[in-house]
Every structure is written in structure tokens, then in C-alpha cells.
N, C-alpha and C. Protein backbone atom coordinates (compact mmCIF):
# COMPACT_ATOMS: atom_id res chain seq x y z
N MET A 1 -154.44 0.74 -65.84
CA MET A 1 -153.06 1.11 -66.04
C MET A 1 -152.17 0.25 -65.14
N SER A 2 -151.13 -0.30 -65.73
CA SER A 2 -150.24 -1.15 -64.94
C SER A 2 -149.21 -0.31 -64.21
N GLN A 3 -148.81 -0.78 -63.04
CA GLN A 3 -147.80 -0.06 -62.29
C GLN A 3 -146.43 -0.70 -62.57
N LYS A 4 -145.48 0.15 -62.94
CA LYS A 4 -144.14 -0.30 -63.29
C LYS A 4 -143.14 0.20 -62.25
N ALA A 5 -142.15 -0.66 -61.97
CA ALA A 5 -141.09 -0.31 -61.03
C ALA A 5 -139.75 -0.58 -61.68
N LEU A 6 -138.74 0.08 -61.16
CA LEU A 6 -137.37 -0.06 -61.66
C LEU A 6 -136.45 -0.39 -60.50
N TYR A 7 -135.67 -1.45 -60.67
CA TYR A 7 -134.66 -1.85 -59.70
C TYR A 7 -133.33 -1.78 -60.42
N ALA A 8 -132.52 -0.80 -60.06
CA ALA A 8 -131.26 -0.56 -60.75
C ALA A 8 -130.08 -0.91 -59.85
N GLY A 9 -129.01 -1.40 -60.49
CA GLY A 9 -127.79 -1.69 -59.77
C GLY A 9 -126.70 -2.10 -60.72
N SER A 10 -125.49 -2.22 -60.19
CA SER A 10 -124.38 -2.65 -61.04
C SER A 10 -124.38 -4.18 -61.17
N PHE A 11 -124.89 -4.87 -60.19
CA PHE A 11 -125.05 -6.33 -60.24
C PHE A 11 -123.76 -7.01 -60.72
N ASP A 12 -122.65 -6.65 -60.09
CA ASP A 12 -121.34 -7.18 -60.50
C ASP A 12 -120.64 -7.84 -59.33
N PRO A 13 -121.03 -9.08 -59.01
CA PRO A 13 -121.99 -9.92 -59.70
C PRO A 13 -123.39 -9.86 -59.08
N LEU A 14 -124.34 -10.39 -59.81
CA LEU A 14 -125.70 -10.57 -59.31
C LEU A 14 -125.63 -11.60 -58.19
N THR A 15 -126.27 -11.27 -57.05
CA THR A 15 -126.24 -12.16 -55.89
C THR A 15 -127.63 -12.74 -55.63
N MET A 16 -127.69 -13.69 -54.73
CA MET A 16 -128.99 -14.23 -54.33
C MET A 16 -129.79 -13.16 -53.59
N GLY A 17 -129.12 -12.22 -52.93
CA GLY A 17 -129.81 -11.10 -52.31
C GLY A 17 -130.51 -10.26 -53.36
N HIS A 18 -129.83 -10.01 -54.48
CA HIS A 18 -130.46 -9.27 -55.59
C HIS A 18 -131.65 -10.05 -56.14
N VAL A 19 -131.46 -11.34 -56.36
CA VAL A 19 -132.54 -12.17 -56.93
C VAL A 19 -133.73 -12.18 -55.98
N ASP A 20 -133.47 -12.27 -54.68
CA ASP A 20 -134.56 -12.23 -53.70
C ASP A 20 -135.33 -10.92 -53.81
N MET A 21 -134.62 -9.80 -53.92
CA MET A 21 -135.27 -8.49 -54.09
C MET A 21 -136.11 -8.46 -55.36
N ILE A 22 -135.55 -8.97 -56.45
CA ILE A 22 -136.25 -8.98 -57.74
C ILE A 22 -137.52 -9.82 -57.64
N GLU A 23 -137.42 -11.00 -57.05
CA GLU A 23 -138.60 -11.86 -56.93
C GLU A 23 -139.68 -11.20 -56.07
N ARG A 24 -139.29 -10.59 -54.98
CA ARG A 24 -140.27 -9.94 -54.10
C ARG A 24 -140.89 -8.71 -54.76
N ALA A 25 -140.09 -7.90 -55.43
CA ALA A 25 -140.62 -6.72 -56.11
C ALA A 25 -141.53 -7.12 -57.27
N ALA A 26 -141.20 -8.22 -57.94
CA ALA A 26 -142.02 -8.69 -59.07
C ALA A 26 -143.43 -9.08 -58.61
N LYS A 27 -143.57 -9.46 -57.34
CA LYS A 27 -144.89 -9.80 -56.80
C LYS A 27 -145.71 -8.54 -56.51
N LEU A 28 -145.02 -7.42 -56.33
CA LEU A 28 -145.69 -6.18 -55.93
C LEU A 28 -146.13 -5.31 -57.11
N TYR A 29 -145.47 -5.48 -58.26
CA TYR A 29 -145.71 -4.59 -59.40
C TYR A 29 -146.02 -5.39 -60.65
N ASP A 30 -146.80 -4.77 -61.53
CA ASP A 30 -147.18 -5.44 -62.78
C ASP A 30 -145.97 -5.69 -63.67
N GLU A 31 -145.08 -4.71 -63.73
CA GLU A 31 -143.85 -4.84 -64.52
C GLU A 31 -142.69 -4.36 -63.67
N LEU A 32 -141.60 -5.11 -63.71
CA LEU A 32 -140.39 -4.72 -63.00
C LEU A 32 -139.24 -4.71 -63.99
N TYR A 33 -138.63 -3.55 -64.11
CA TYR A 33 -137.43 -3.42 -64.93
C TYR A 33 -136.22 -3.58 -64.02
N VAL A 34 -135.33 -4.46 -64.40
CA VAL A 34 -134.05 -4.61 -63.70
C VAL A 34 -133.02 -3.94 -64.60
N ALA A 35 -132.52 -2.79 -64.14
CA ALA A 35 -131.61 -1.99 -64.95
C ALA A 35 -130.17 -2.27 -64.53
N VAL A 36 -129.40 -2.82 -65.45
CA VAL A 36 -128.01 -3.15 -65.20
C VAL A 36 -127.14 -1.94 -65.56
N ALA A 37 -126.41 -1.46 -64.56
CA ALA A 37 -125.59 -0.26 -64.71
C ALA A 37 -124.11 -0.60 -64.58
N THR A 38 -123.29 0.38 -64.89
CA THR A 38 -121.85 0.25 -64.68
C THR A 38 -121.45 1.23 -63.59
N ASN A 39 -120.80 0.70 -62.57
CA ASN A 39 -120.30 1.54 -61.49
C ASN A 39 -118.85 1.86 -61.80
N THR A 40 -118.59 3.06 -62.24
CA THR A 40 -117.25 3.44 -62.68
C THR A 40 -116.27 3.58 -61.52
N SER A 41 -116.78 3.62 -60.28
CA SER A 41 -115.89 3.74 -59.13
C SER A 41 -115.37 2.40 -58.64
N LYS A 42 -115.85 1.32 -59.23
CA LYS A 42 -115.41 -0.02 -58.83
C LYS A 42 -114.80 -0.76 -60.01
N LYS A 43 -113.89 -1.67 -59.70
CA LYS A 43 -113.29 -2.51 -60.74
C LYS A 43 -114.29 -3.61 -61.10
N ALA A 44 -114.71 -3.63 -62.34
CA ALA A 44 -115.74 -4.57 -62.78
C ALA A 44 -115.17 -5.96 -63.03
N LEU A 45 -115.93 -6.96 -62.63
CA LEU A 45 -115.59 -8.35 -62.93
C LEU A 45 -116.18 -8.73 -64.28
N PHE A 46 -117.39 -8.28 -64.56
CA PHE A 46 -118.10 -8.62 -65.79
C PHE A 46 -118.35 -7.38 -66.63
N THR A 47 -118.41 -7.58 -67.94
CA THR A 47 -118.78 -6.50 -68.84
C THR A 47 -120.29 -6.26 -68.72
N GLY A 48 -120.74 -5.15 -69.24
CA GLY A 48 -122.17 -4.86 -69.24
C GLY A 48 -122.98 -5.95 -69.93
N GLU A 49 -122.48 -6.43 -71.06
CA GLU A 49 -123.18 -7.48 -71.81
C GLU A 49 -123.24 -8.78 -71.01
N GLU A 50 -122.15 -9.11 -70.32
CA GLU A 50 -122.13 -10.33 -69.51
C GLU A 50 -123.13 -10.22 -68.35
N LYS A 51 -123.15 -9.06 -67.69
CA LYS A 51 -124.08 -8.86 -66.58
C LYS A 51 -125.52 -8.94 -67.05
N MET A 52 -125.80 -8.38 -68.21
CA MET A 52 -127.16 -8.45 -68.77
C MET A 52 -127.57 -9.91 -69.00
N ALA A 53 -126.69 -10.67 -69.64
CA ALA A 53 -126.99 -12.08 -69.94
C ALA A 53 -127.19 -12.88 -68.66
N LEU A 54 -126.33 -12.67 -67.67
CA LEU A 54 -126.46 -13.40 -66.41
C LEU A 54 -127.76 -13.04 -65.70
N ALA A 55 -128.11 -11.76 -65.68
CA ALA A 55 -129.35 -11.33 -65.03
C ALA A 55 -130.58 -11.88 -65.75
N LYS A 56 -130.55 -11.87 -67.08
CA LYS A 56 -131.68 -12.41 -67.84
C LYS A 56 -131.88 -13.90 -67.53
N GLU A 57 -130.79 -14.65 -67.49
CA GLU A 57 -130.89 -16.08 -67.20
C GLU A 57 -131.39 -16.33 -65.77
N ALA A 58 -130.88 -15.56 -64.82
CA ALA A 58 -131.25 -15.76 -63.42
C ALA A 58 -132.68 -15.34 -63.10
N THR A 59 -133.28 -14.51 -63.96
CA THR A 59 -134.65 -14.03 -63.72
C THR A 59 -135.64 -14.55 -64.77
N ALA A 60 -135.21 -15.48 -65.58
CA ALA A 60 -136.05 -16.00 -66.67
C ALA A 60 -137.36 -16.59 -66.17
N HIS A 61 -137.41 -17.04 -64.93
CA HIS A 61 -138.62 -17.64 -64.37
C HIS A 61 -139.68 -16.60 -63.98
N LEU A 62 -139.36 -15.32 -64.12
CA LEU A 62 -140.28 -14.25 -63.73
C LEU A 62 -140.82 -13.56 -64.98
N ASP A 63 -142.08 -13.82 -65.29
CA ASP A 63 -142.69 -13.32 -66.53
C ASP A 63 -142.79 -11.81 -66.62
N ASN A 64 -142.89 -11.12 -65.50
CA ASN A 64 -143.09 -9.68 -65.54
C ASN A 64 -141.80 -8.88 -65.30
N VAL A 65 -140.66 -9.54 -65.41
CA VAL A 65 -139.36 -8.89 -65.22
C VAL A 65 -138.67 -8.72 -66.56
N LYS A 66 -138.19 -7.50 -66.80
CA LYS A 66 -137.43 -7.21 -68.02
C LYS A 66 -136.08 -6.66 -67.61
N VAL A 67 -135.02 -7.27 -68.10
CA VAL A 67 -133.67 -6.80 -67.82
C VAL A 67 -133.28 -5.83 -68.93
N VAL A 68 -132.85 -4.64 -68.52
CA VAL A 68 -132.50 -3.58 -69.47
C VAL A 68 -131.16 -2.98 -69.06
N ALA A 69 -130.50 -2.36 -70.02
CA ALA A 69 -129.26 -1.64 -69.73
C ALA A 69 -129.61 -0.24 -69.24
N LEU A 70 -128.98 0.18 -68.16
CA LEU A 70 -129.20 1.53 -67.66
C LEU A 70 -128.37 2.48 -68.49
N LYS A 71 -129.06 3.38 -69.14
CA LYS A 71 -128.40 4.38 -69.96
C LYS A 71 -127.67 5.38 -69.08
N ALA A 72 -126.74 6.09 -69.66
CA ALA A 72 -126.04 7.14 -68.92
C ALA A 72 -127.05 8.17 -68.46
N GLY A 73 -126.82 8.70 -67.29
CA GLY A 73 -127.73 9.71 -66.77
C GLY A 73 -128.30 9.28 -65.43
N LEU A 74 -129.31 10.01 -65.01
CA LEU A 74 -129.93 9.76 -63.71
C LEU A 74 -130.90 8.59 -63.78
N THR A 75 -130.89 7.77 -62.75
CA THR A 75 -131.80 6.63 -62.67
C THR A 75 -133.25 7.10 -62.68
N VAL A 76 -133.53 8.20 -62.00
CA VAL A 76 -134.90 8.72 -61.94
C VAL A 76 -135.37 9.14 -63.34
N ASP A 77 -134.47 9.67 -64.16
CA ASP A 77 -134.83 10.03 -65.53
C ASP A 77 -135.12 8.77 -66.36
N PHE A 78 -134.33 7.74 -66.14
CA PHE A 78 -134.54 6.48 -66.85
C PHE A 78 -135.88 5.86 -66.45
N ALA A 79 -136.21 5.95 -65.16
CA ALA A 79 -137.51 5.45 -64.70
C ALA A 79 -138.64 6.15 -65.44
N ARG A 80 -138.53 7.46 -65.56
CA ARG A 80 -139.54 8.24 -66.27
C ARG A 80 -139.66 7.77 -67.73
N GLU A 81 -138.51 7.56 -68.39
CA GLU A 81 -138.51 7.08 -69.78
C GLU A 81 -139.24 5.75 -69.92
N LEU A 82 -139.08 4.88 -68.92
CA LEU A 82 -139.70 3.56 -68.96
C LEU A 82 -141.16 3.58 -68.53
N GLY A 83 -141.60 4.70 -67.98
CA GLY A 83 -142.96 4.78 -67.45
C GLY A 83 -143.08 4.18 -66.06
N ALA A 84 -141.95 4.03 -65.36
CA ALA A 84 -141.95 3.47 -64.01
C ALA A 84 -142.12 4.59 -62.99
N SER A 85 -143.02 4.39 -62.06
CA SER A 85 -143.28 5.40 -61.04
C SER A 85 -142.66 5.05 -59.70
N VAL A 86 -141.94 3.92 -59.65
CA VAL A 86 -141.35 3.44 -58.41
C VAL A 86 -139.92 2.99 -58.65
N LEU A 87 -139.04 3.39 -57.74
CA LEU A 87 -137.67 2.87 -57.71
C LEU A 87 -137.57 1.92 -56.53
N ILE A 88 -137.10 0.72 -56.77
CA ILE A 88 -136.91 -0.28 -55.71
C ILE A 88 -135.47 -0.21 -55.22
N ARG A 89 -135.29 -0.18 -53.92
CA ARG A 89 -133.96 -0.19 -53.32
C ARG A 89 -133.96 -1.18 -52.17
N GLY A 90 -132.88 -1.92 -52.05
CA GLY A 90 -132.74 -2.89 -50.97
C GLY A 90 -131.93 -2.32 -49.83
N LEU A 91 -132.31 -2.69 -48.62
CA LEU A 91 -131.60 -2.25 -47.43
C LEU A 91 -131.11 -3.47 -46.65
N ARG A 92 -129.79 -3.53 -46.44
CA ARG A 92 -129.22 -4.62 -45.64
C ARG A 92 -129.01 -4.20 -44.19
N ASN A 93 -128.71 -2.91 -43.98
CA ASN A 93 -128.31 -2.45 -42.65
C ASN A 93 -128.51 -0.93 -42.55
N THR A 94 -128.11 -0.37 -41.41
CA THR A 94 -128.30 1.07 -41.20
C THR A 94 -127.42 1.91 -42.13
N THR A 95 -126.27 1.39 -42.50
CA THR A 95 -125.41 2.11 -43.44
C THR A 95 -126.13 2.27 -44.78
N ASP A 96 -126.73 1.17 -45.27
CA ASP A 96 -127.52 1.25 -46.51
C ASP A 96 -128.66 2.24 -46.35
N PHE A 97 -129.32 2.22 -45.19
CA PHE A 97 -130.46 3.11 -44.97
C PHE A 97 -130.05 4.57 -45.11
N GLU A 98 -128.97 4.95 -44.49
CA GLU A 98 -128.53 6.34 -44.57
C GLU A 98 -128.15 6.73 -46.00
N TYR A 99 -127.41 5.89 -46.66
CA TYR A 99 -126.99 6.15 -48.04
C TYR A 99 -128.19 6.23 -48.98
N GLU A 100 -129.06 5.24 -48.90
CA GLU A 100 -130.22 5.16 -49.80
C GLU A 100 -131.24 6.25 -49.52
N THR A 101 -131.38 6.67 -48.27
CA THR A 101 -132.31 7.75 -47.94
C THR A 101 -131.90 9.04 -48.63
N ASN A 102 -130.61 9.34 -48.61
CA ASN A 102 -130.13 10.56 -49.27
C ASN A 102 -130.38 10.51 -50.78
N ILE A 103 -130.15 9.35 -51.38
CA ILE A 103 -130.40 9.20 -52.82
C ILE A 103 -131.90 9.35 -53.11
N ALA A 104 -132.73 8.73 -52.27
CA ALA A 104 -134.18 8.81 -52.47
C ALA A 104 -134.67 10.25 -52.38
N LEU A 105 -134.14 11.00 -51.44
CA LEU A 105 -134.55 12.40 -51.29
C LEU A 105 -134.10 13.24 -52.48
N MET A 106 -132.92 12.97 -52.98
CA MET A 106 -132.44 13.71 -54.16
C MET A 106 -133.27 13.32 -55.39
N ASN A 107 -133.61 12.04 -55.52
CA ASN A 107 -134.46 11.60 -56.63
C ASN A 107 -135.83 12.27 -56.57
N LYS A 108 -136.37 12.41 -55.36
CA LYS A 108 -137.67 13.05 -55.17
C LYS A 108 -137.61 14.52 -55.59
N LEU A 109 -136.47 15.15 -55.34
CA LEU A 109 -136.27 16.53 -55.75
C LEU A 109 -136.23 16.64 -57.28
N GLN A 110 -135.67 15.63 -57.94
CA GLN A 110 -135.56 15.62 -59.39
C GLN A 110 -136.90 15.33 -60.06
N ASP A 111 -137.70 14.44 -59.43
CA ASP A 111 -139.00 14.07 -60.01
C ASP A 111 -139.92 13.62 -58.87
N SER A 112 -140.83 14.48 -58.49
CA SER A 112 -141.72 14.17 -57.36
C SER A 112 -142.72 13.07 -57.69
N GLY A 113 -142.82 12.69 -58.96
CA GLY A 113 -143.75 11.64 -59.37
C GLY A 113 -143.17 10.24 -59.27
N VAL A 114 -141.91 10.13 -58.92
CA VAL A 114 -141.26 8.82 -58.78
C VAL A 114 -140.97 8.58 -57.30
N GLU A 115 -141.56 7.53 -56.77
CA GLU A 115 -141.37 7.17 -55.36
C GLU A 115 -140.26 6.12 -55.23
N THR A 116 -139.57 6.14 -54.11
CA THR A 116 -138.61 5.09 -53.79
C THR A 116 -139.23 4.18 -52.75
N VAL A 117 -139.19 2.88 -53.02
CA VAL A 117 -139.70 1.89 -52.07
C VAL A 117 -138.52 1.06 -51.60
N PHE A 118 -138.33 1.01 -50.28
CA PHE A 118 -137.25 0.23 -49.69
C PHE A 118 -137.78 -1.15 -49.29
N LEU A 119 -137.03 -2.17 -49.68
CA LEU A 119 -137.32 -3.53 -49.23
C LEU A 119 -136.16 -3.98 -48.35
N LEU A 120 -136.48 -4.53 -47.20
CA LEU A 120 -135.45 -5.05 -46.32
C LEU A 120 -134.91 -6.37 -46.85
N SER A 121 -133.61 -6.50 -46.82
CA SER A 121 -132.99 -7.75 -47.27
C SER A 121 -133.41 -8.89 -46.34
N ASP A 122 -133.56 -10.05 -46.92
CA ASP A 122 -133.76 -11.25 -46.13
C ASP A 122 -132.52 -11.41 -45.24
N GLU A 123 -132.73 -11.77 -43.98
CA GLU A 123 -131.59 -11.83 -43.06
C GLU A 123 -130.49 -12.78 -43.51
N LYS A 124 -130.83 -13.80 -44.29
CA LYS A 124 -129.78 -14.73 -44.73
C LYS A 124 -128.86 -14.12 -45.79
N TYR A 125 -129.23 -12.95 -46.32
CA TYR A 125 -128.39 -12.29 -47.33
C TYR A 125 -127.84 -10.94 -46.85
N ARG A 126 -128.08 -10.56 -45.62
CA ARG A 126 -127.67 -9.23 -45.15
C ARG A 126 -126.17 -9.01 -45.16
N PHE A 127 -125.40 -10.06 -45.05
CA PHE A 127 -123.94 -9.93 -45.03
C PHE A 127 -123.34 -9.95 -46.43
N VAL A 128 -124.13 -10.25 -47.43
CA VAL A 128 -123.64 -10.45 -48.78
C VAL A 128 -123.42 -9.12 -49.48
N SER A 129 -122.24 -8.98 -50.07
CA SER A 129 -121.96 -7.83 -50.93
C SER A 129 -121.17 -8.33 -52.13
N SER A 130 -121.31 -7.64 -53.23
CA SER A 130 -120.59 -8.03 -54.44
C SER A 130 -119.07 -7.98 -54.21
N SER A 131 -118.61 -7.01 -53.45
CA SER A 131 -117.17 -6.89 -53.18
C SER A 131 -116.65 -8.11 -52.42
N ILE A 132 -117.37 -8.54 -51.40
CA ILE A 132 -116.95 -9.71 -50.63
C ILE A 132 -116.96 -10.95 -51.51
N ILE A 133 -118.00 -11.09 -52.31
CA ILE A 133 -118.10 -12.26 -53.19
C ILE A 133 -116.90 -12.32 -54.14
N LYS A 134 -116.55 -11.20 -54.75
CA LYS A 134 -115.42 -11.18 -55.68
C LYS A 134 -114.11 -11.54 -54.97
N GLU A 135 -113.94 -11.04 -53.76
CA GLU A 135 -112.70 -11.33 -53.04
C GLU A 135 -112.61 -12.81 -52.67
N ILE A 136 -113.68 -13.37 -52.16
CA ILE A 136 -113.70 -14.79 -51.79
C ILE A 136 -113.46 -15.66 -53.02
N ALA A 137 -114.14 -15.35 -54.11
CA ALA A 137 -114.01 -16.13 -55.34
C ALA A 137 -112.60 -16.05 -55.92
N GLN A 138 -111.98 -14.90 -55.84
CA GLN A 138 -110.64 -14.71 -56.37
C GLN A 138 -109.65 -15.67 -55.73
N PHE A 139 -109.89 -16.01 -54.47
CA PHE A 139 -108.98 -16.90 -53.75
C PHE A 139 -109.52 -18.32 -53.64
N GLY A 140 -110.49 -18.65 -54.51
CA GLY A 140 -110.98 -20.03 -54.61
C GLY A 140 -112.01 -20.43 -53.58
N GLY A 141 -112.57 -19.47 -52.85
CA GLY A 141 -113.59 -19.79 -51.86
C GLY A 141 -114.91 -20.17 -52.50
N ASP A 142 -115.76 -20.81 -51.72
CA ASP A 142 -117.07 -21.29 -52.20
C ASP A 142 -118.12 -20.20 -52.01
N ILE A 143 -118.66 -19.70 -53.10
CA ILE A 143 -119.69 -18.66 -53.06
C ILE A 143 -121.04 -19.16 -53.57
N SER A 144 -121.12 -20.47 -53.78
CA SER A 144 -122.31 -21.05 -54.43
C SER A 144 -123.62 -20.81 -53.66
N ALA A 145 -123.55 -20.58 -52.37
CA ALA A 145 -124.78 -20.34 -51.59
C ALA A 145 -125.30 -18.91 -51.71
N VAL A 146 -124.49 -18.02 -52.26
CA VAL A 146 -124.89 -16.61 -52.26
C VAL A 146 -125.01 -16.00 -53.66
N VAL A 147 -124.81 -16.79 -54.70
CA VAL A 147 -125.02 -16.33 -56.07
C VAL A 147 -125.82 -17.39 -56.84
N PRO A 148 -126.58 -16.97 -57.85
CA PRO A 148 -127.29 -17.95 -58.68
C PRO A 148 -126.28 -18.91 -59.35
N GLU A 149 -126.74 -20.08 -59.68
CA GLU A 149 -125.87 -21.11 -60.26
C GLU A 149 -125.14 -20.62 -61.51
N ASN A 150 -125.85 -19.91 -62.40
CA ASN A 150 -125.21 -19.43 -63.63
C ASN A 150 -124.13 -18.40 -63.34
N VAL A 151 -124.33 -17.59 -62.32
CA VAL A 151 -123.34 -16.59 -61.93
C VAL A 151 -122.13 -17.28 -61.30
N ASN A 152 -122.37 -18.29 -60.49
CA ASN A 152 -121.28 -19.04 -59.88
C ASN A 152 -120.37 -19.64 -60.96
N ARG A 153 -120.97 -20.24 -61.97
CA ARG A 153 -120.17 -20.82 -63.08
C ARG A 153 -119.37 -19.73 -63.78
N ALA A 154 -120.00 -18.61 -64.03
CA ALA A 154 -119.32 -17.51 -64.74
C ALA A 154 -118.16 -16.97 -63.92
N ILE A 155 -118.33 -16.87 -62.62
CA ILE A 155 -117.26 -16.36 -61.75
C ILE A 155 -116.11 -17.36 -61.71
N ILE A 156 -116.42 -18.62 -61.59
CA ILE A 156 -115.37 -19.65 -61.60
C ILE A 156 -114.56 -19.56 -62.88
N ASN A 157 -115.24 -19.38 -64.00
CA ASN A 157 -114.55 -19.26 -65.29
C ASN A 157 -113.68 -18.01 -65.35
N LYS A 158 -114.13 -16.93 -64.72
CA LYS A 158 -113.34 -15.68 -64.72
C LYS A 158 -112.02 -15.85 -63.98
N PHE A 159 -112.04 -16.64 -62.92
CA PHE A 159 -110.84 -16.77 -62.08
C PHE A 159 -110.00 -17.99 -62.39
N LYS A 160 -110.32 -18.70 -63.47
CA LYS A 160 -109.50 -19.86 -63.88
C LYS A 160 -108.16 -19.42 -64.39
């Protein structure tokens, strides 16, 4: 039986920190689902379809990664639908740890068969956030070191 994991996020935009997490998780599990969600509390730069296309292109080199749209509802329920027994979450700092721990505990309450695995961000990406990237890009700053090439092109086109 293959072990499946789910890495969910809004990925608006997908960063090199996200790609690093995806690549590392893909080495640990037979199948990794990257679930692209919509965060309704934030102003989106990309549509769901655009985020899906960008994520698929940026992860095309990983044979065991499948990019999927996160359906409405709980992530833990979606993991169950996909047959994934693991949720992957990235931690950049102690703030992420506190936030993600609470979510992991609530997910465990919802389904004790789904574990959350935390991966520490590579130190070169710990300062990276989608919000910072959008703000820098909006004012013409260079974000090419912190986003995949296809995402950088898409962001430049958005702010033209």
C-alpha cells in the first residue's frame, strides 16, 4: 500500500519555499497531493485556475506530485477523500508553530487517522511570505530569487 500525503495552501503566489517543501515531501511519500485553495480572508492575486496552472508547471519535474483543487470544506476531510493519511505543513518560525499546532490538534480531533507532519523551512526561505512578495512586486521590486521562474513571469504580467 502506498502512503499518500496532502500539502494544502492558497499558494498566492507559489514561492520557492513552497516548492522546497513540495520537493522534500515528495521524497518522503509515494504520492503527494498539492491542494490549491482559496483564502477568502486575503485579496487574491491569481485565480484558482491560474494558481493550479502555475503549481503544475513548477512541480512538473516531480513524478509523484499531483496538483489538485481543494474543495470547499475541511482539509482533513479532503485528505480522507484522497486516501491521504498525512497532512504536510511548513514551519518558518515560532508564530507558524503556534498557529499550525492548533490546526493540527483540531484536525486530529476531526480524524484521528490523519497525522500532521511539520517540515522546517529551509533557512534561506524563512523570511518569505506571499504577502511580502505581492507587496514588493507591486512596486516593481525583484522577487526572482524567491519564486519559480514561471510565477515570476506571471506576477510581472499581473502588475504591468
